[in-house]
Amino acid sequence: MSTLKRILIQMAIGANLMAAVLLWACGLSSMLNPAGHPYAALFGLGFPLLLLLNLAFVLFWIVFCIRYVWLPFVGMLFSVFYIYDYCPLNWPRKKPADALMLMTYNTEFLGNGVTDAEGHFPLLNYIAHSGADIICLQEGVAAKTPTAEYADSVMKAAGYHIRRLHDGKSEPQLIYSRLPIVSAHRIAYESQTNGSMAAELLYEGDTILLVNNHLESYKLTPTDKMKYKEIIKDPENGQVETNSKDLVHKMAGASRLRGPQVDSVLNYIEKSGRKAVIACGDFNDSPISYSCRRMSSRLTSAFCQSGNGLGLSYNQKGFYFRIDHIFISDYWQSYETHVDKTILWSDHYPMITYLKKRKKGK
């Protein structure tokens, strides 16, 4: 081996080790409460890029020096649990015929009110004919409007009970349920326009605690999103540093609020004493985040339990994240959790799972 090649190999080894350490650090960032570490908590957003970099090193070593191909695998081994959270792989299990179908969907205000040639809302028709037993909507339709009255009439005709929370400040949240709804109210926490809605539903002699969440949004404007795409497309652009600082500052502000919000939701769940718990919605956080780690400390991610792949739920070009989640208590077993990517009327895809009550002793 020539001296030059030896030096290059040593540099590549160092770079590979650094990529592995950074990947591990991204996973560890989910331990940080963004209320106290808002900027450091954003580090988890870089997890997929660093994962790709580590995978690229596998190809690099295969091509240039096969004897070191083990190195990226050992590096990724330290982050294997974080990798599984981000991209789970599960053996398919067919859902039971009597399983409950649950859907969570940020509808972007009913697809921004888009109608078809006949004046119907395609997104509303999709929801009403989905067959779901429980539907949790974020960014729904405001109460006491013609659109809300029409939507409610369609959903009632489809056999759903309806609860809507909209106090004029927070964005409207809705729960449609074929199961009887006993109560519904908002969980108190600080937010500019977001919120969490708790409801109690009756099911086979038990009471389900259902929490529909829309944690603090980044509130990125079209201009902000354009800046982000420019950073990705042309890192050498002279405005990259200014644009990056603006975006990071804005995102850190939202992240700072989400920490206490998810803590409030978990405290509410724990104080309720309910065994049958479902917490779902738009968490505005990736699987590698404080929000998801905290929820997973008490509940189980349905997507990790019965989903496969990345499950990207935000569908805007250039923003490839799974920020919609479903968490369940041990009362439930989930099946066939997935994101329906055929629906394009909102900036989110709906996430769907099937839930079956576990048998006692299992």
Protein backbone atom coordinates (compact mmCIF):
# COMPACT_ATOMS: atom_id res chain seq x y z
CA MET A 1 0.00 0.00 0.00
CA SER A 2 1.43 3.38 -1.00
CA THR A 3 2.05 6.09 1.58
CA LEU A 4 -0.61 8.34 0.03
CA LYS A 5 -3.24 5.59 0.08
CA ARG A 6 -2.35 4.75 3.67
CA ILE A 7 -2.86 8.38 4.69
CA LEU A 8 -6.19 8.56 2.86
CA ILE A 9 -7.37 5.35 4.51
CA GLN A 10 -6.45 6.70 7.95
CA MET A 11 -8.32 9.93 7.21
CA ALA A 12 -11.35 7.90 6.10
CA ILE A 13 -11.22 5.86 9.31
CA GLY A 14 -11.21 9.06 11.33
CA ALA A 15 -14.13 10.46 9.33
CA ASN A 16 -16.06 7.20 9.76
CA LEU A 17 -15.53 7.26 13.52
CA MET A 18 -16.63 10.89 13.67
CA ALA A 19 -19.80 10.09 11.69
CA ALA A 20 -20.60 7.26 14.11
CA VAL A 21 -20.06 9.50 17.15
CA LEU A 22 -22.24 12.26 15.67
CA LEU A 23 -25.00 9.75 14.89
CA TRP A 24 -24.90 8.56 18.50
CA ALA A 25 -24.91 12.18 19.71
CA CYS A 26 -28.00 12.88 17.61
CA GLY A 27 -29.79 10.05 19.37
CA LEU A 28 -28.65 11.25 22.78
CA SER A 29 -30.02 14.75 22.02
CA SER A 30 -33.50 13.31 22.62
CA MET A 31 -32.58 13.20 26.31
CA LEU A 32 -32.37 16.99 26.45
CA ASN A 33 -35.46 18.91 27.51
CA PRO A 34 -35.79 21.68 24.91
CA ALA A 35 -37.18 23.98 27.60
CA GLY A 36 -33.62 24.32 28.86
CA HIS A 37 -31.68 23.33 25.73
CA PRO A 38 -33.76 24.48 22.75
CA TYR A 39 -30.89 24.64 20.27
CA ALA A 40 -29.14 21.41 21.27
CA ALA A 41 -32.50 19.57 21.12
CA LEU A 42 -32.70 20.37 17.39
CA PHE A 43 -29.62 18.23 16.78
CA GLY A 44 -31.86 15.17 16.38
CA LEU A 45 -33.16 16.58 13.09
CA GLY A 46 -29.79 15.71 11.58
CA PHE A 47 -30.17 12.01 12.41
CA PRO A 48 -31.28 10.83 8.92
CA LEU A 49 -28.45 12.66 7.17
CA LEU A 50 -25.86 11.17 9.52
CA LEU A 51 -27.41 7.74 9.13
CA LEU A 52 -27.07 8.06 5.36
CA LEU A 53 -23.46 9.14 5.82
CA ASN A 54 -22.71 6.06 7.92
CA LEU A 55 -24.36 3.83 5.32
CA ALA A 56 -22.31 5.57 2.62
CA PHE A 57 -19.17 4.49 4.45
CA VAL A 58 -20.24 0.86 3.99
CA LEU A 59 -20.12 1.35 0.21
CA PHE A 60 -16.89 3.32 0.51
CA TRP A 61 -15.08 0.49 2.32
CA ILE A 62 -16.48 -2.16 -0.05
CA VAL A 63 -15.00 -0.26 -2.98
CA PHE A 64 -11.72 0.99 -1.54
CA CYS A 65 -10.71 -1.23 1.39
CA ILE A 66 -12.95 -4.20 2.22
CA ARG A 67 -11.01 -5.00 5.39
CA TYR A 68 -12.60 -1.98 7.13
CA VAL A 69 -16.21 -2.63 6.04
CA TRP A 70 -17.00 -3.71 9.61
CA LEU A 71 -16.24 -0.24 10.95
CA PRO A 72 -19.51 1.57 10.02
CA PHE A 73 -21.55 -1.41 11.22
CA VAL A 74 -19.90 -1.33 14.62
CA GLY A 75 -20.40 2.43 14.73
CA MET A 76 -24.11 2.12 13.92
CA LEU A 77 -24.46 -0.65 16.51
CA PHE A 78 -24.14 1.98 19.24
CA SER A 79 -27.18 3.76 17.75
CA VAL A 80 -29.21 0.68 16.83
CA PHE A 81 -32.15 1.55 19.10
CA TYR A 82 -32.35 5.07 17.70
CA ILE A 83 -32.17 3.66 14.17
CA TYR A 84 -35.04 1.31 14.95
CA ASP A 85 -37.12 4.17 16.33
CA TYR A 86 -36.51 6.11 13.14
CA CYS A 87 -37.00 3.26 10.69
CA PRO A 88 -38.60 0.18 12.29
CA LEU A 89 -38.93 -3.18 10.57
CA ASN A 90 -41.66 -5.56 11.70
CA TRP A 91 -42.92 -8.91 10.49
CA PRO A 92 -46.42 -8.29 9.05
CA ARG A 93 -49.27 -9.37 11.31
CA LYS A 94 -52.76 -9.39 9.89
CA LYS A 95 -55.20 -7.27 11.86
CA PRO A 96 -58.06 -9.05 13.68
CA ALA A 97 -61.48 -8.59 12.12
CA ASP A 98 -62.79 -6.84 15.25
CA ALA A 99 -59.83 -4.46 15.72
CA LEU A 100 -60.56 -0.76 16.15
CA MET A 101 -59.36 1.44 13.29
CA LEU A 102 -57.79 4.70 14.45
CA MET A 103 -56.80 7.58 12.21
CA THR A 104 -54.92 10.76 13.10
CA TYR A 105 -54.76 13.47 10.48
CA ASN A 106 -53.66 17.10 10.30
CA THR A 107 -56.08 18.23 7.59
CA GLU A 108 -54.60 21.72 7.06
CA PHE A 109 -58.06 23.21 7.68
CA LEU A 110 -59.91 20.62 5.62
CA GLY A 111 -57.48 20.81 2.74
CA ASN A 112 -57.69 24.62 2.76
CA GLY A 113 -61.36 24.32 1.83
CA VAL A 114 -60.70 22.85 -1.61
CA THR A 115 -63.84 21.41 -3.23
CA ASP A 116 -64.48 19.29 -6.31
CA ALA A 117 -66.63 20.16 -9.32
CA GLU A 118 -69.78 19.22 -7.39
CA GLY A 119 -68.91 21.43 -4.42
CA HIS A 120 -67.95 18.55 -2.14
CA PHE A 121 -64.83 18.38 0.03
CA PRO A 122 -62.71 15.42 -1.16
CA LEU A 123 -60.85 15.31 2.16
CA LEU A 124 -64.12 15.17 4.12
CA ASN A 125 -65.42 12.39 1.88
CA TYR A 126 -62.21 10.44 2.47
CA ILE A 127 -62.57 10.72 6.24
CA ALA A 128 -66.29 9.90 6.27
CA HIS A 129 -65.78 6.77 4.15
CA SER A 130 -62.51 5.66 5.72
CA GLY A 131 -64.18 3.10 7.96
CA ALA A 132 -62.23 4.39 10.96
CA ASP A 133 -63.81 3.89 14.39
CA ILE A 134 -61.92 6.83 15.89
CA ILE A 135 -60.65 9.87 13.98
CA CYS A 136 -58.51 12.60 15.51
CA LEU A 137 -58.11 15.74 13.44
CA GLN A 138 -55.71 18.63 13.89
CA GLU A 139 -56.21 21.92 12.05
CA GLY A 140 -59.84 21.08 11.49
CA VAL A 141 -62.79 23.35 10.79
CA ALA A 142 -63.70 26.21 13.14
CA ALA A 143 -67.06 25.92 14.93
CA LYS A 144 -70.18 27.85 13.96
CA THR A 145 -69.32 28.21 10.31
CA PRO A 146 -71.22 26.91 7.26
CA THR A 147 -68.33 24.54 6.50
CA ALA A 148 -68.37 23.16 10.06
CA GLU A 149 -72.13 22.64 9.95
CA TYR A 150 -71.84 20.81 6.64
CA ALA A 151 -68.91 18.68 7.85
CA ASP A 152 -70.75 17.77 11.04
CA SER A 153 -73.85 16.74 9.10
CA VAL A 154 -71.77 14.47 6.85
CA MET A 155 -69.99 12.85 9.79
CA LYS A 156 -73.18 12.40 11.80
CA ALA A 157 -74.79 10.72 8.80
CA ALA A 158 -71.75 8.40 8.69
CA GLY A 159 -72.46 7.37 12.30
CA TYR A 160 -69.95 9.46 14.24
CA HIS A 161 -70.19 11.23 17.58
CA ILE A 162 -68.43 14.61 17.42
CA ARG A 163 -66.39 16.68 19.84
CA ARG A 164 -64.71 19.90 18.74
CA LEU A 165 -62.50 22.22 20.75
CA HIS A 166 -61.91 25.68 19.42
CA ASP A 167 -61.62 28.63 21.78
CA GLY A 168 -60.81 31.21 19.10
CA LYS A 169 -57.12 31.22 20.03
CA SER A 170 -56.06 27.63 19.40
CA GLU A 171 -56.50 25.88 16.08
CA PRO A 172 -59.64 23.69 15.94
CA GLN A 173 -59.24 20.07 16.99
CA LEU A 174 -61.86 17.39 16.48
CA ILE A 175 -62.61 13.86 17.52
CA TYR A 176 -65.02 11.74 15.48
CA SER A 177 -65.89 8.47 17.16
CA ARG A 178 -68.27 5.59 16.56
CA LEU A 179 -67.74 4.82 20.25
CA PRO A 180 -69.76 6.87 22.76
CA ILE A 181 -67.89 9.97 23.97
CA VAL A 182 -68.34 10.62 27.69
CA SER A 183 -66.38 13.86 28.00
CA ALA A 184 -63.88 16.10 26.23
CA HIS A 185 -61.78 19.05 27.33
CA ARG A 186 -58.47 20.77 26.71
CA ILE A 187 -55.26 19.94 28.60
CA ALA A 188 -53.88 23.16 30.03
CA TYR A 189 -50.39 24.26 28.94
CA GLU A 190 -48.69 27.29 27.43
CA SER A 191 -49.05 27.64 23.66
CA GLN A 192 -49.52 30.32 21.05
CA THR A 193 -52.04 28.50 18.83
CA ASN A 194 -51.70 24.77 19.49
CA GLY A 195 -53.20 22.42 22.06
CA SER A 196 -54.12 18.93 23.28
CA MET A 197 -57.64 17.60 23.64
CA ALA A 198 -58.48 14.79 26.06
CA ALA A 199 -61.62 12.70 25.71
CA GLU A 200 -63.10 9.63 27.39
CA LEU A 201 -64.72 6.97 25.22
CA LEU A 202 -66.65 3.84 26.22
CA TYR A 203 -65.37 0.54 24.86
CA GLU A 204 -66.29 -3.00 25.94
CA GLY A 205 -67.05 -1.96 29.51
CA ASP A 206 -63.86 0.09 29.81
CA THR A 207 -63.15 3.79 29.48
CA ILE A 208 -60.56 4.82 26.91
CA LEU A 209 -58.51 7.95 27.51
CA LEU A 210 -57.91 9.46 24.08
CA VAL A 211 -55.58 12.47 23.73
CA ASN A 212 -55.57 14.34 20.41
CA ASN A 213 -52.39 16.43 20.24
CA HIS A 214 -51.11 19.27 18.12
CA LEU A 215 -47.92 20.36 19.85
CA GLU A 216 -46.27 23.68 19.12
CA SER A 217 -45.70 24.23 15.40
CA TYR A 218 -42.56 25.67 13.89
CA LYS A 219 -44.86 28.09 12.04
CA LEU A 220 -42.58 28.25 9.05
CA THR A 221 -43.86 30.66 6.44
CA PRO A 222 -43.56 29.98 2.68
CA THR A 223 -40.53 32.31 2.76
CA ASP A 224 -38.95 30.26 5.57
CA LYS A 225 -39.51 27.04 3.64
CA MET A 226 -37.93 28.59 0.56
CA LYS A 227 -34.88 29.59 2.61
CA TYR A 228 -34.57 26.02 3.88
CA LYS A 229 -34.70 24.60 0.35
CA GLU A 230 -32.10 27.10 -0.81
CA ILE A 231 -29.77 26.01 2.01
CA ILE A 232 -30.12 22.36 0.97
CA LYS A 233 -29.86 23.10 -2.76
CA ASP A 234 -27.00 25.62 -2.68
CA PRO A 235 -24.93 25.51 0.54
CA GLU A 236 -22.41 27.93 -1.02
CA ASN A 237 -24.99 30.70 -1.34
CA GLY A 238 -23.90 33.88 0.42
CA GLN A 239 -27.17 34.04 2.39
CA VAL A 240 -26.85 30.57 3.88
CA GLU A 241 -25.42 31.71 7.23
CA THR A 242 -28.08 34.42 7.74
CA ASN A 243 -30.92 32.16 6.59
CA SER A 244 -29.70 29.30 8.78
CA LYS A 245 -29.55 31.47 11.89
CA ASP A 246 -33.07 32.80 11.26
CA LEU A 247 -34.52 29.32 10.79
CA VAL A 248 -32.72 27.77 13.76
CA HIS A 249 -33.82 30.61 16.04
CA LYS A 250 -37.45 30.19 14.97
CA MET A 251 -37.37 26.42 15.33
CA ALA A 252 -35.69 26.61 18.74
CA GLY A 253 -38.49 28.88 19.98
CA ALA A 254 -41.14 26.29 19.08
CA SER A 255 -39.00 23.46 20.47
CA ARG A 256 -38.70 25.31 23.80
CA LEU A 257 -42.49 25.20 24.19
CA ARG A 258 -42.97 21.57 23.13
CA GLY A 259 -40.90 20.23 26.02
CA PRO A 260 -43.28 21.42 28.76
CA GLN A 261 -46.27 20.62 26.54
CA VAL A 262 -45.41 16.92 26.22
CA ASP A 263 -44.63 16.82 29.95
CA SER A 264 -48.10 18.23 30.67
CA VAL A 265 -49.73 15.61 28.45
CA LEU A 266 -47.87 12.78 30.19
CA ASN A 267 -48.69 14.16 33.64
CA TYR A 268 -52.35 14.27 32.67
CA ILE A 269 -52.24 10.66 31.43
CA GLU A 270 -50.52 9.42 34.57
CA LYS A 271 -52.93 11.23 36.90
CA SER A 272 -55.95 9.85 35.02
CA GLY A 273 -55.14 6.30 36.12
CA ARG A 274 -56.64 4.91 32.90
CA LYS A 275 -55.27 1.66 31.52
CA ALA A 276 -56.68 2.05 28.01
CA VAL A 277 -54.74 5.05 26.68
CA ILE A 278 -54.25 6.40 23.16
CA ALA A 279 -52.26 9.58 22.55
CA CYS A 280 -51.91 10.62 18.94
CA GLY A 281 -51.64 13.60 16.62
CA ASP A 282 -49.22 16.05 15.09
CA PHE A 283 -46.32 16.26 17.55
CA ASN A 284 -44.20 18.42 15.22
CA ASP A 285 -41.22 16.31 16.26
CA SER A 286 -39.31 13.48 14.60
CA PRO A 287 -38.89 10.07 16.27
CA ILE A 288 -35.49 11.28 17.54
CA SER A 289 -36.77 14.00 19.85
CA TYR A 290 -37.52 14.74 23.48
CA SER A 291 -41.26 14.59 22.77
CA CYS A 292 -41.15 11.06 21.36
CA ARG A 293 -38.69 9.80 23.95
CA ARG A 294 -40.89 11.10 26.78
CA MET A 295 -44.06 9.61 25.28
CA SER A 296 -42.27 6.29 24.74
CA SER A 297 -41.19 6.23 28.39
CA ARG A 298 -44.84 5.73 29.37
CA LEU A 299 -46.47 4.44 26.16
CA THR A 300 -45.50 2.51 23.03
CA SER A 301 -45.21 3.93 19.54
CA ALA A 302 -47.73 2.06 17.37
CA PHE A 303 -45.56 2.69 14.32
CA CYS A 304 -42.51 1.16 16.00
CA GLN A 305 -44.63 -1.79 17.14
CA SER A 306 -46.36 -2.62 13.84
CA GLY A 307 -45.14 -0.21 11.16
CA ASN A 308 -42.33 -0.44 8.64
CA GLY A 309 -39.89 1.98 7.09
CA LEU A 310 -39.62 5.72 7.56
CA GLY A 311 -43.36 6.45 7.67
CA LEU A 312 -42.86 10.02 6.46
CA SER A 313 -46.03 11.89 7.36
CA TYR A 314 -45.19 15.45 6.31
CA ASN A 315 -45.45 15.62 2.55
CA GLN A 316 -43.95 18.98 1.59
CA LYS A 317 -41.06 18.64 -0.85
CA GLY A 318 -37.73 18.89 0.90
CA PHE A 319 -39.23 18.27 4.37
CA TYR A 320 -39.02 14.53 4.85
CA PHE A 321 -40.01 13.73 8.43
CA ARG A 322 -42.41 11.59 10.46
CA ILE A 323 -43.91 14.14 12.81
CA ASP A 324 -47.33 12.49 13.28
CA HIS A 325 -47.40 9.72 15.87
CA ILE A 326 -49.67 7.29 17.68
CA PHE A 327 -48.74 6.13 21.19
CA ILE A 328 -50.64 3.41 23.03
CA SER A 329 -50.64 1.82 26.50
CA ASP A 330 -50.05 -1.88 27.17
CA TYR A 331 -53.82 -2.35 27.10
CA TRP A 332 -53.55 -2.38 23.28
CA GLN A 333 -51.80 -4.37 20.57
CA SER A 334 -51.43 -2.47 17.31
CA TYR A 335 -51.53 -3.90 13.79
CA GLU A 336 -50.64 -2.61 10.33
CA THR A 337 -49.73 0.91 11.40
CA HIS A 338 -49.04 2.93 8.26
CA VAL A 339 -49.16 6.30 6.57
CA ASP A 340 -51.65 6.67 3.71
CA LYS A 341 -49.60 8.41 1.02
CA THR A 342 -52.41 8.34 -1.55
CA ILE A 343 -54.07 11.35 0.07
CA LEU A 344 -52.63 14.72 -1.02
CA TRP A 345 -55.18 17.31 0.09
CA SER A 346 -53.19 18.41 3.15
CA ASP A 347 -49.53 19.05 3.90
CA HIS A 348 -49.68 15.90 6.06
CA TYR A 349 -50.56 12.30 5.30
CA PRO A 350 -53.00 10.54 7.64
CA MET A 351 -51.55 7.89 9.94
CA ILE A 352 -53.67 4.80 10.54
CA THR A 353 -53.45 1.88 12.93
CA TYR A 354 -55.64 -1.00 14.07
CA LEU A 355 -55.96 -1.65 17.79
CA LYS A 356 -57.05 -4.75 19.63
CA LYS A 357 -57.46 -5.13 23.38
CA ARG A 358 -54.84 -7.50 24.74
CA LYS A 359 -56.02 -10.62 26.50
CA LYS A 360 -55.43 -10.66 30.23
CA GLY A 361 -52.13 -12.18 31.19
CA LYS A 362 -50.44 -11.21 27.94
